[in-house]
Amino acid sequence: MRHQSAAALLLSLTTTLRVLAYQTLYERASYTSDIIRGVNLGGWLVTEQWITPSLYDSISADDEWSLCNQLGKTKCHSTLNSHWKSFYTRDDFVDIQAAGLNAVRIPLGYWAVDVKDYEPYISGQYPYLIQAVQWARELGLSVLIDLHGAPGSQNGQDNSGLIGPVLFPSNTSNVDRSLYVLRNLTKEFSTDAYGGAVTGIELLNEPRLGTNATNDFSMTQLKSFYSDGAQAVRRADSGNGINVTIHDAFYTPQYWSNYSPTDSTATSPADGLTVDTHQYYAFAPQNVYSNTQILDSVCNMSRLLKQQQSSSGIPSTLVGEFSLQTGGNSNPHTSNTDSQARRTWFRLLFEAQIAAYSPNGPGQSSIGWMYWAWKTEYDIDTWSYRRGVEEGYIPKDVGNGSMLVFPVGEDGCVDASHQYTAPKHVGGAGGRVADSLFIWLLMAVVVLLNSYL
């Protein structure tokens, strides 16, 4: 009778412990339905040489302006049209959804909407953007459309389409053309035909402010543009409540506390406003951080964004770009995940960041994250989300809490001391943490029962 009671007790405890093990893990993702878990479709409708080097390898060009300038409009159109048609397809959107992601950020250059005869750029991206939004709608993905390149360049970098001086603020024509693009995008994608799939328009990607000969772009000028841009989006909105997203211009989210683009006297963040901050450890000065310093920095961002918005005043904040690259850029043609230690670090860094950039309670400023990017032409290990999924250092379903490995504290910081080692072989199972916890608890119960018997 005593043995029967022990067996029944063991069965009961086994069931209970399995439920508790999984429940504990899923509590990490309470509010999951509201958390943005996304990827950027980088290198598609705005090309970048390092993402798709095959487009650039045969000529001496470092940005899309130079690419089209050298190819000529006819050749550039055929080259880029082939790229737009093939680099992202519906299958990519299906894979994005299957990976547990629920959002995409689509970079777009102004020349997709408004290109002048004297500019070498070619248009033709718009039908592919429309198709992408339709695919997203069918698959339940939300879309943030991002003005990645503005006339004159807002940052002088290749991601704006043109490397060189920052000339965006140098004349009102550049601003007016950008506002025209924002109105056009809002008017199109706020219609009922898209079913609300486009939830936000980002006014300007990564503006670089400065006061020198090649960059005379002030915060006053940027805020003026944000004010005009916000009004342009809100007035063109057909009624679906498209969100206005602004980049923090690398001034960090707390700089924008209680910010309203259309009310300089505001004492709380504007409704329908999101701040986009990009958190990278691949570029100076963060590229010299040690692994410990990186994790500390990520944890500090977590503590900042998990404050109550009502007390911090920090607007709803999306980490719209981050990656696993540290210490500088990798070679776009080669990358190595054969190293078990490297994949172990990738897993820790990935989980640390998504925990830090996601809310773990109501009323916080953080609203989620978008990885850069879903893929690159050679699937660089630190930049390609899909490669991480295929090779096991990014969870196959990031929306499933049981596939996460590292415990997370109330401050959103992972326990980096937690014992985890990536599988010896690329793409191995890696041990699902809920099953591991269950086995550990079950062994403890067995020991206790043996002593009881």
Protein backbone atom coordinates (compact mmCIF):
# COMPACT_ATOMS: atom_id res chain seq x y z
CA MET A 1 0.00 0.00 0.00
CA ARG A 2 2.87 2.31 0.87
CA HIS A 3 4.52 1.56 -2.50
CA GLN A 4 1.25 2.21 -4.36
CA SER A 5 0.86 5.57 -2.65
CA ALA A 6 4.43 6.48 -3.56
CA ALA A 7 3.84 5.54 -7.20
CA ALA A 8 0.66 7.59 -7.32
CA LEU A 9 2.45 10.47 -5.67
CA LEU A 10 5.27 10.22 -8.20
CA LEU A 11 2.82 10.29 -11.11
CA SER A 12 0.98 13.25 -9.66
CA LEU A 13 4.18 15.15 -8.98
CA THR A 14 5.51 14.34 -12.45
CA THR A 15 2.46 15.88 -14.09
CA THR A 16 2.44 18.89 -11.80
CA LEU A 17 6.14 19.59 -12.23
CA ARG A 18 5.93 19.39 -16.00
CA VAL A 19 3.09 21.94 -15.99
CA LEU A 20 4.95 24.21 -13.57
CA ALA A 21 8.16 23.98 -15.58
CA TYR A 22 6.47 25.16 -18.74
CA GLN A 23 4.29 27.69 -16.93
CA THR A 24 7.37 29.33 -15.40
CA LEU A 25 8.93 29.70 -18.82
CA TYR A 26 5.82 31.03 -20.47
CA GLU A 27 5.45 33.66 -17.76
CA ARG A 28 8.54 35.25 -19.29
CA ALA A 29 6.40 36.10 -22.28
CA SER A 30 3.22 37.30 -20.57
CA TYR A 31 2.07 40.15 -22.92
CA THR A 32 3.40 38.24 -25.93
CA SER A 33 0.46 39.19 -28.11
CA ASP A 34 1.41 42.85 -27.85
CA ILE A 35 5.18 42.47 -28.21
CA ILE A 36 6.66 43.31 -31.60
CA ARG A 37 8.96 40.51 -32.73
CA GLY A 38 10.19 41.45 -36.16
CA VAL A 39 12.88 41.54 -38.80
CA ASN A 40 14.05 44.10 -41.32
CA LEU A 41 13.87 43.35 -45.02
CA GLY A 42 17.21 45.04 -45.54
CA GLY A 43 18.96 45.18 -48.89
CA TRP A 44 15.79 44.69 -50.90
CA LEU A 45 14.04 47.90 -51.98
CA VAL A 46 17.08 49.93 -50.91
CA THR A 47 20.23 48.03 -51.84
CA GLU A 48 23.41 47.97 -49.79
CA GLN A 49 26.65 46.62 -51.22
CA TRP A 50 27.52 44.49 -48.18
CA ILE A 51 24.08 42.81 -48.12
CA THR A 52 23.91 41.96 -51.84
CA PRO A 53 27.50 42.20 -53.11
CA SER A 54 26.71 40.38 -56.37
CA LEU A 55 24.87 43.49 -57.58
CA TYR A 56 28.01 45.54 -57.09
CA ASP A 57 30.91 43.15 -57.66
CA SER A 58 31.25 43.79 -61.40
CA ILE A 59 31.51 47.59 -61.09
CA SER A 60 33.13 50.10 -58.79
CA ALA A 61 30.16 51.39 -56.79
CA ASP A 62 29.43 51.62 -53.08
CA ASP A 63 25.85 52.87 -53.04
CA GLU A 64 22.69 52.69 -55.15
CA TRP A 65 23.20 56.17 -56.61
CA SER A 66 26.63 55.15 -57.97
CA LEU A 67 25.36 51.75 -59.08
CA CYS A 68 22.67 53.28 -61.28
CA ASN A 69 24.93 56.12 -62.36
CA GLN A 70 27.40 53.64 -63.79
CA LEU A 71 24.91 51.17 -65.23
CA GLY A 72 22.63 53.80 -66.77
CA LYS A 73 18.88 53.88 -66.18
CA THR A 74 17.93 51.12 -68.63
CA LYS A 75 20.51 48.60 -67.38
CA CYS A 76 19.98 49.60 -63.76
CA HIS A 77 16.23 49.07 -64.09
CA SER A 78 16.62 45.56 -65.49
CA THR A 79 19.26 44.69 -62.88
CA LEU A 80 17.28 45.96 -59.91
CA ASN A 81 13.95 44.68 -61.18
CA SER A 82 15.42 41.19 -61.30
CA HIS A 83 16.71 41.71 -57.76
CA TRP A 84 13.37 43.01 -56.43
CA LYS A 85 11.57 40.08 -57.98
CA SER A 86 13.82 37.40 -56.49
CA PHE A 87 15.48 38.61 -53.29
CA TYR A 88 12.25 38.49 -51.29
CA THR A 89 9.30 36.29 -52.23
CA ARG A 90 6.20 35.08 -50.48
CA ASP A 91 8.17 32.06 -49.24
CA ASP A 92 10.33 34.42 -47.16
CA PHE A 93 7.23 35.86 -45.52
CA VAL A 94 5.96 32.36 -44.78
CA ASP A 95 9.32 31.49 -43.19
CA ILE A 96 9.29 34.71 -41.18
CA GLN A 97 5.88 33.86 -39.76
CA ALA A 98 6.94 30.25 -39.08
CA ALA A 99 9.89 31.55 -37.05
CA GLY A 100 7.45 33.07 -34.55
CA LEU A 101 7.90 36.61 -35.83
CA ASN A 102 4.94 38.94 -36.20
CA ALA A 103 6.27 42.07 -37.92
CA VAL A 104 8.51 43.34 -40.70
CA ARG A 105 10.19 46.69 -41.25
CA ILE A 106 10.57 47.57 -44.92
CA PRO A 107 13.20 50.19 -45.84
CA LEU A 108 12.33 52.36 -48.83
CA GLY A 109 14.14 55.14 -50.66
CA TYR A 110 12.36 58.36 -51.63
CA TRP A 111 13.13 57.59 -55.28
CA ALA A 112 10.55 54.80 -55.24
CA VAL A 113 7.95 57.57 -55.14
CA ASP A 114 9.61 60.74 -56.38
CA VAL A 115 12.64 60.57 -58.66
CA LYS A 116 13.87 63.43 -60.87
CA ASP A 117 15.28 63.07 -64.38
CA TYR A 118 18.69 64.35 -63.29
CA GLU A 119 18.96 61.67 -60.58
CA PRO A 120 20.44 58.31 -61.63
CA TYR A 121 18.04 56.38 -59.41
CA ILE A 122 15.28 54.34 -61.01
CA SER A 123 11.82 53.65 -59.63
CA GLY A 124 9.77 50.47 -59.85
CA GLN A 125 9.91 49.38 -56.21
CA TYR A 126 6.36 50.41 -55.38
CA PRO A 127 4.53 47.38 -56.84
CA TYR A 128 6.85 45.11 -54.83
CA LEU A 129 6.10 47.09 -51.67
CA ILE A 130 2.37 46.69 -52.33
CA GLN A 131 2.84 42.96 -52.87
CA ALA A 132 4.86 42.68 -49.67
CA VAL A 133 2.15 44.39 -47.63
CA GLN A 134 -0.47 42.08 -49.13
CA TRP A 135 1.61 39.02 -48.21
CA ALA A 136 2.07 40.38 -44.71
CA ARG A 137 -1.66 40.91 -44.36
CA GLU A 138 -2.42 37.35 -45.50
CA LEU A 139 0.05 35.94 -42.96
CA GLY A 140 -0.89 38.18 -40.05
CA LEU A 141 2.33 40.19 -40.03
CA SER A 142 2.32 43.91 -39.27
CA VAL A 143 4.40 46.28 -41.39
CA LEU A 144 6.47 49.35 -40.55
CA ILE A 145 7.40 51.27 -43.70
CA ASP A 146 10.62 53.18 -43.19
CA LEU A 147 11.86 56.16 -45.22
CA HIS A 148 15.42 54.84 -45.36
CA GLY A 149 16.79 57.30 -47.88
CA ALA A 150 15.83 60.97 -48.16
CA PRO A 151 16.81 63.51 -50.87
CA GLY A 152 20.33 64.82 -50.30
CA SER A 153 20.96 61.98 -47.77
CA GLN A 154 20.13 62.37 -44.11
CA ASN A 155 23.27 60.57 -42.92
CA GLY A 156 25.78 60.37 -45.78
CA GLN A 157 25.87 56.58 -45.62
CA ASP A 158 25.16 53.80 -48.11
CA ASN A 159 21.90 52.90 -46.36
CA SER A 160 20.52 56.28 -47.47
CA GLY A 161 21.37 55.46 -51.09
CA LEU A 162 24.16 58.03 -51.34
CA ILE A 163 27.51 58.18 -49.55
CA GLY A 164 28.84 61.69 -48.99
CA PRO A 165 27.88 64.95 -47.30
CA VAL A 166 24.61 65.25 -45.40
CA LEU A 167 22.66 67.59 -47.66
CA PHE A 168 19.10 66.72 -46.62
CA PRO A 169 18.65 69.88 -44.49
CA SER A 170 20.45 72.14 -46.97
CA ASN A 171 17.31 73.22 -48.85
CA THR A 172 13.56 73.12 -48.45
CA SER A 173 13.15 71.10 -51.64
CA ASN A 174 14.62 68.02 -49.94
CA VAL A 175 12.24 68.39 -47.03
CA ASP A 176 9.23 69.04 -49.27
CA ARG A 177 9.97 65.98 -51.41
CA SER A 178 10.28 63.82 -48.28
CA LEU A 179 6.95 65.07 -46.96
CA TYR A 180 5.37 64.29 -50.33
CA VAL A 181 6.68 60.72 -50.07
CA LEU A 182 5.34 60.32 -46.52
CA ARG A 183 1.90 61.59 -47.57
CA ASN A 184 1.88 59.27 -50.56
CA LEU A 185 2.77 56.19 -48.50
CA THR A 186 0.26 57.02 -45.78
CA LYS A 187 -2.58 57.71 -48.19
CA GLU A 188 -1.96 54.43 -50.02
CA PHE A 189 -1.43 52.06 -47.11
CA SER A 190 -4.02 53.45 -44.69
CA THR A 191 -6.85 52.40 -47.01
CA ASP A 192 -9.09 49.49 -46.12
CA ALA A 193 -7.63 47.48 -49.01
CA TYR A 194 -4.64 46.60 -46.82
CA GLY A 195 -6.64 45.68 -43.75
CA GLY A 196 -4.51 47.70 -41.35
CA ALA A 197 -1.39 45.64 -42.09
CA VAL A 198 0.74 48.80 -42.20
CA THR A 199 0.74 49.94 -38.60
CA GLY A 200 3.42 52.62 -38.84
CA ILE A 201 5.38 54.99 -41.06
CA GLU A 202 8.93 55.89 -39.99
CA LEU A 203 9.66 59.49 -40.94
CA LEU A 204 13.43 59.19 -41.41
CA ASN A 205 15.99 56.45 -40.81
CA GLU A 206 19.13 57.21 -38.80
CA PRO A 207 19.51 60.97 -39.28
CA ARG A 208 23.07 62.00 -38.39
CA LEU A 209 23.28 65.37 -36.70
CA GLY A 210 26.40 67.53 -36.73
CA THR A 211 27.93 70.95 -37.25
CA ASN A 212 30.75 70.72 -39.77
CA ALA A 213 31.48 71.30 -43.45
CA THR A 214 29.94 68.01 -44.61
CA ASN A 215 27.12 67.76 -42.07
CA ASP A 216 25.25 70.81 -40.86
CA PHE A 217 22.13 69.09 -39.55
CA SER A 218 20.85 70.38 -36.22
CA MET A 219 18.38 68.96 -33.74
CA THR A 220 16.21 72.03 -34.31
CA GLN A 221 16.01 71.20 -38.02
CA LEU A 222 15.28 67.55 -37.31
CA LYS A 223 12.48 68.36 -34.87
CA SER A 224 11.00 70.76 -37.39
CA PHE A 225 10.96 67.98 -39.95
CA TYR A 226 9.48 65.54 -37.44
CA SER A 227 6.71 68.03 -36.72
CA ASP A 228 5.91 68.48 -40.41
CA GLY A 229 6.24 64.75 -41.07
CA ALA A 230 3.91 63.80 -38.22
CA GLN A 231 1.29 66.22 -39.50
CA ALA A 232 1.70 64.91 -43.05
CA VAL A 233 1.11 61.33 -41.93
CA ARG A 234 -1.84 62.13 -39.68
CA ARG A 235 -3.59 64.28 -42.26
CA ALA A 236 -3.12 61.68 -45.02
CA ASP A 237 -4.28 58.79 -42.83
CA SER A 238 -7.56 57.40 -44.12
CA GLY A 239 -8.70 56.48 -40.66
CA ASN A 240 -6.76 53.33 -39.75
CA GLY A 241 -4.65 55.12 -37.15
CA ILE A 242 -1.20 54.71 -38.66
CA ASN A 243 1.49 55.22 -36.05
CA VAL A 244 4.19 57.87 -36.49
CA THR A 245 7.66 56.49 -35.82
CA ILE A 246 10.73 58.67 -35.34
CA HIS A 247 14.35 57.59 -35.08
CA ASP A 248 16.11 58.80 -31.93
CA ALA A 249 19.02 60.19 -34.02
CA PHE A 250 21.33 58.24 -31.66
CA TYR A 251 20.39 60.54 -28.79
CA THR A 252 18.89 57.54 -26.89
CA PRO A 253 15.20 57.13 -25.99
CA GLN A 254 15.31 59.13 -22.76
CA TYR A 255 16.25 62.27 -24.70
CA TRP A 256 12.76 62.14 -26.20
CA SER A 257 10.93 61.97 -22.88
CA ASN A 258 7.51 63.67 -23.02
CA TYR A 259 8.07 64.45 -26.69
CA SER A 260 5.26 65.41 -29.01
CA PRO A 261 6.26 66.37 -32.56
CA THR A 262 3.37 68.82 -32.88
CA ASP A 263 3.30 70.25 -29.33
CA SER A 264 6.45 71.76 -27.87
CA THR A 265 4.74 72.26 -24.49
CA ALA A 266 3.71 68.63 -24.07
CA THR A 267 4.19 67.07 -20.63
CA SER A 268 3.67 63.49 -21.78
CA PRO A 269 4.52 61.52 -24.93
CA ALA A 270 2.22 62.03 -27.88
CA ASP A 271 -0.38 59.39 -28.63
CA GLY A 272 0.39 57.29 -31.68
CA LEU A 273 4.12 58.02 -31.48
CA THR A 274 6.96 55.49 -31.36
CA VAL A 275 10.66 56.15 -30.92
CA ASP A 276 12.93 53.83 -32.91
CA THR A 277 16.37 53.23 -31.37
CA HIS A 278 19.11 51.13 -32.99
CA GLN A 279 21.32 49.13 -30.65
CA TYR A 280 24.53 47.92 -32.26
CA TYR A 281 27.86 46.65 -30.92
CA ALA A 282 29.50 46.53 -34.34
CA PHE A 283 30.30 50.24 -34.61
CA ALA A 284 32.36 52.74 -32.62
CA PRO A 285 32.50 53.27 -29.74
CA GLN A 286 30.63 50.10 -28.74
CA ASN A 287 32.70 47.90 -31.06
CA VAL A 288 35.53 47.75 -28.50
CA TYR A 289 33.30 46.44 -25.70
CA SER A 290 34.11 43.09 -24.12
CA ASN A 291 31.36 40.48 -23.98
CA THR A 292 30.71 41.39 -20.36
CA GLN A 293 30.48 45.09 -21.20
CA ILE A 294 28.05 44.32 -24.02
CA LEU A 295 25.75 42.34 -21.72
CA ASP A 296 25.93 45.11 -19.11
CA SER A 297 25.00 47.69 -21.75
CA VAL A 298 22.08 45.57 -22.97
CA CYS A 299 20.92 45.16 -19.38
CA ASN A 300 21.08 48.92 -18.79
CA MET A 301 18.88 49.48 -21.83
CA SER A 302 16.45 46.92 -20.41
CA ARG A 303 16.20 48.77 -17.09
CA LEU A 304 15.66 52.05 -18.93
CA LEU A 305 12.85 50.75 -21.15
CA LYS A 306 11.12 48.80 -18.39
CA GLN A 307 10.41 51.89 -16.33
CA GLN A 308 6.81 52.95 -16.17
CA GLN A 309 6.15 55.31 -19.04
CA SER A 310 3.99 57.46 -16.79
CA SER A 311 7.01 58.30 -14.63
CA SER A 312 9.86 58.23 -17.17
CA GLY A 313 8.00 60.01 -19.97
CA ILE A 314 9.88 57.88 -22.52
CA PRO A 315 7.59 57.30 -25.53
CA SER A 316 6.77 53.80 -26.70
CA THR A 317 10.13 52.53 -27.89
CA LEU A 318 10.97 49.98 -30.56
CA VAL A 319 14.50 48.66 -30.99
CA GLY A 320 14.15 48.78 -34.75
CA GLU A 321 17.61 47.41 -35.56
CA PHE A 322 20.07 45.16 -33.73
CA SER A 323 22.23 42.18 -34.63
CA LEU A 324 24.75 39.70 -33.26
CA GLN A 325 27.73 41.45 -34.81
CA THR A 326 30.31 42.74 -32.34
CA GLY A 327 33.76 44.25 -32.76
CA GLY A 328 33.41 45.47 -36.35
CA ASN A 329 31.96 44.23 -39.62
CA SER A 330 32.45 40.73 -40.94
CA ASN A 331 33.40 39.70 -44.43
CA PRO A 332 30.13 39.47 -46.41
CA HIS A 333 31.40 36.43 -48.29
CA THR A 334 32.52 34.34 -45.32
CA SER A 335 31.37 33.67 -41.79
CA ASN A 336 31.87 30.77 -39.43
CA THR A 337 29.47 29.05 -37.07
CA ASP A 338 31.46 25.83 -36.78
CA SER A 339 32.74 27.09 -33.45
CA GLN A 340 30.63 25.79 -30.58
CA ALA A 341 31.79 28.66 -28.36
CA ARG A 342 30.79 31.20 -31.01
CA ARG A 343 27.29 29.75 -31.29
CA THR A 344 26.96 29.63 -27.51
CA TRP A 345 27.79 33.35 -27.34
CA PHE A 346 25.35 34.12 -30.16
CA ARG A 347 22.54 32.40 -28.25
CA LEU A 348 23.31 34.31 -25.08
CA LEU A 349 23.59 37.65 -26.90
CA PHE A 350 20.37 37.07 -28.84
CA GLU A 351 18.31 36.10 -25.81
CA ALA A 352 19.81 38.93 -23.74
CA GLN A 353 18.73 41.45 -26.35
CA ILE A 354 15.21 40.22 -27.00
CA ALA A 355 14.57 40.03 -23.24
CA ALA A 356 15.92 43.56 -22.80
CA TYR A 357 13.96 45.05 -25.68
CA SER A 358 10.61 43.41 -24.82
CA PRO A 359 8.19 44.55 -22.10
CA ASN A 360 7.60 42.19 -19.19
CA GLY A 361 4.72 44.13 -17.71
CA PRO A 362 2.10 46.75 -18.57
CA GLY A 363 2.80 50.45 -18.83
CA GLN A 364 6.44 50.17 -19.88
CA SER A 365 8.06 52.11 -22.71
CA SER A 366 9.47 49.07 -24.51
CA ILE A 367 7.21 47.55 -27.15
CA GLY A 368 9.53 45.09 -28.88
CA TRP A 369 12.26 44.65 -31.45
CA MET A 370 13.17 44.11 -35.10
CA TYR A 371 16.36 42.29 -36.04
CA TRP A 372 18.58 43.47 -38.90
CA ALA A 373 18.06 41.54 -41.12
CA TRP A 374 16.06 38.46 -42.11
CA LYS A 375 18.82 37.50 -44.53
CA THR A 376 21.83 38.64 -46.52
CA GLU A 377 23.02 37.31 -49.84
CA TYR A 378 25.68 35.12 -48.20
CA ASP A 379 23.76 34.76 -44.95
CA ILE A 380 26.41 36.31 -42.73
CA ASP A 381 26.13 34.53 -39.40
CA THR A 382 25.85 37.69 -37.26
CA TRP A 383 23.40 39.49 -39.55
CA SER A 384 21.13 36.79 -41.00
CA TYR A 385 18.21 35.85 -38.78
CA ARG A 386 17.23 32.92 -40.96
CA ARG A 387 20.74 31.45 -40.72
CA GLY A 388 20.55 31.70 -36.96
CA VAL A 389 17.29 29.76 -37.03
CA GLU A 390 18.68 27.14 -39.40
CA GLU A 391 21.83 26.65 -37.32
CA GLY A 392 20.20 26.70 -33.92
CA TYR A 393 21.63 29.79 -32.24
CA ILE A 394 18.34 31.62 -32.70
CA PRO A 395 15.22 29.75 -31.50
CA LYS A 396 13.20 28.16 -34.27
CA ASP A 397 10.03 29.75 -32.86
CA VAL A 398 10.89 32.90 -30.94
CA GLY A 399 7.27 33.32 -29.91
CA ASN A 400 7.42 30.04 -27.95
CA GLY A 401 8.80 30.68 -24.47
CA SER A 402 9.79 27.04 -23.99
CA MET A 403 12.45 27.40 -26.69
CA LEU A 404 14.33 30.06 -24.75
CA VAL A 405 17.33 28.98 -22.71
CA PHE A 406 18.44 31.72 -20.32
CA PRO A 407 16.50 32.72 -17.17
CA VAL A 408 15.47 36.36 -17.04
CA GLY A 409 15.18 38.59 -13.97
CA GLU A 410 12.45 41.11 -13.26
CA ASP A 411 14.67 43.84 -14.70
CA GLY A 412 14.70 42.02 -18.05
CA CYS A 413 18.37 41.02 -17.75
CA VAL A 414 19.36 37.44 -18.52
CA ASP A 415 21.32 35.28 -16.11
CA ALA A 416 24.54 34.99 -18.14
CA SER A 417 25.94 32.51 -15.60
CA HIS A 418 23.29 29.98 -16.53
CA GLN A 419 24.95 26.80 -17.77
CA TYR A 420 24.30 26.42 -21.47
CA THR A 421 26.51 25.20 -24.29
CA ALA A 422 25.46 25.13 -27.92
CA PRO A 423 25.29 21.69 -29.54
CA LYS A 424 28.55 20.37 -30.96
CA HIS A 425 27.06 20.23 -34.41
CA VAL A 426 25.51 23.15 -36.26
CA GLY A 427 21.73 23.05 -36.10
CA GLY A 428 21.63 20.59 -33.20
CA ALA A 429 18.71 20.45 -30.81
CA GLY A 430 20.48 22.39 -28.08
CA GLY A 431 18.26 21.20 -25.27
CA ARG A 432 14.87 22.76 -24.71
CA VAL A 433 15.03 24.43 -21.36
CA ALA A 434 11.59 23.35 -20.20
CA ASP A 435 12.43 19.68 -20.72
CA SER A 436 15.79 20.15 -18.99
CA LEU A 437 14.14 21.80 -16.01
CA PHE A 438 11.53 19.09 -15.88
CA ILE A 439 14.16 16.33 -15.86
CA TRP A 440 16.10 18.07 -13.13
CA LEU A 441 13.02 18.43 -10.94
CA LEU A 442 11.93 14.87 -11.62
CA MET A 443 15.33 13.54 -10.54
CA ALA A 444 15.04 15.49 -7.28
CA VAL A 445 11.60 13.97 -6.66
CA VAL A 446 12.93 10.47 -7.33
CA VAL A 447 15.71 10.98 -4.80
CA LEU A 448 13.20 12.17 -2.21
CA LEU A 449 10.87 9.26 -2.89
CA ASN A 450 13.71 6.75 -2.61
CA SER A 451 14.54 8.09 0.82
CA TYR A 452 10.84 7.93 1.70
CA LEU A 453 10.58 4.32 0.58
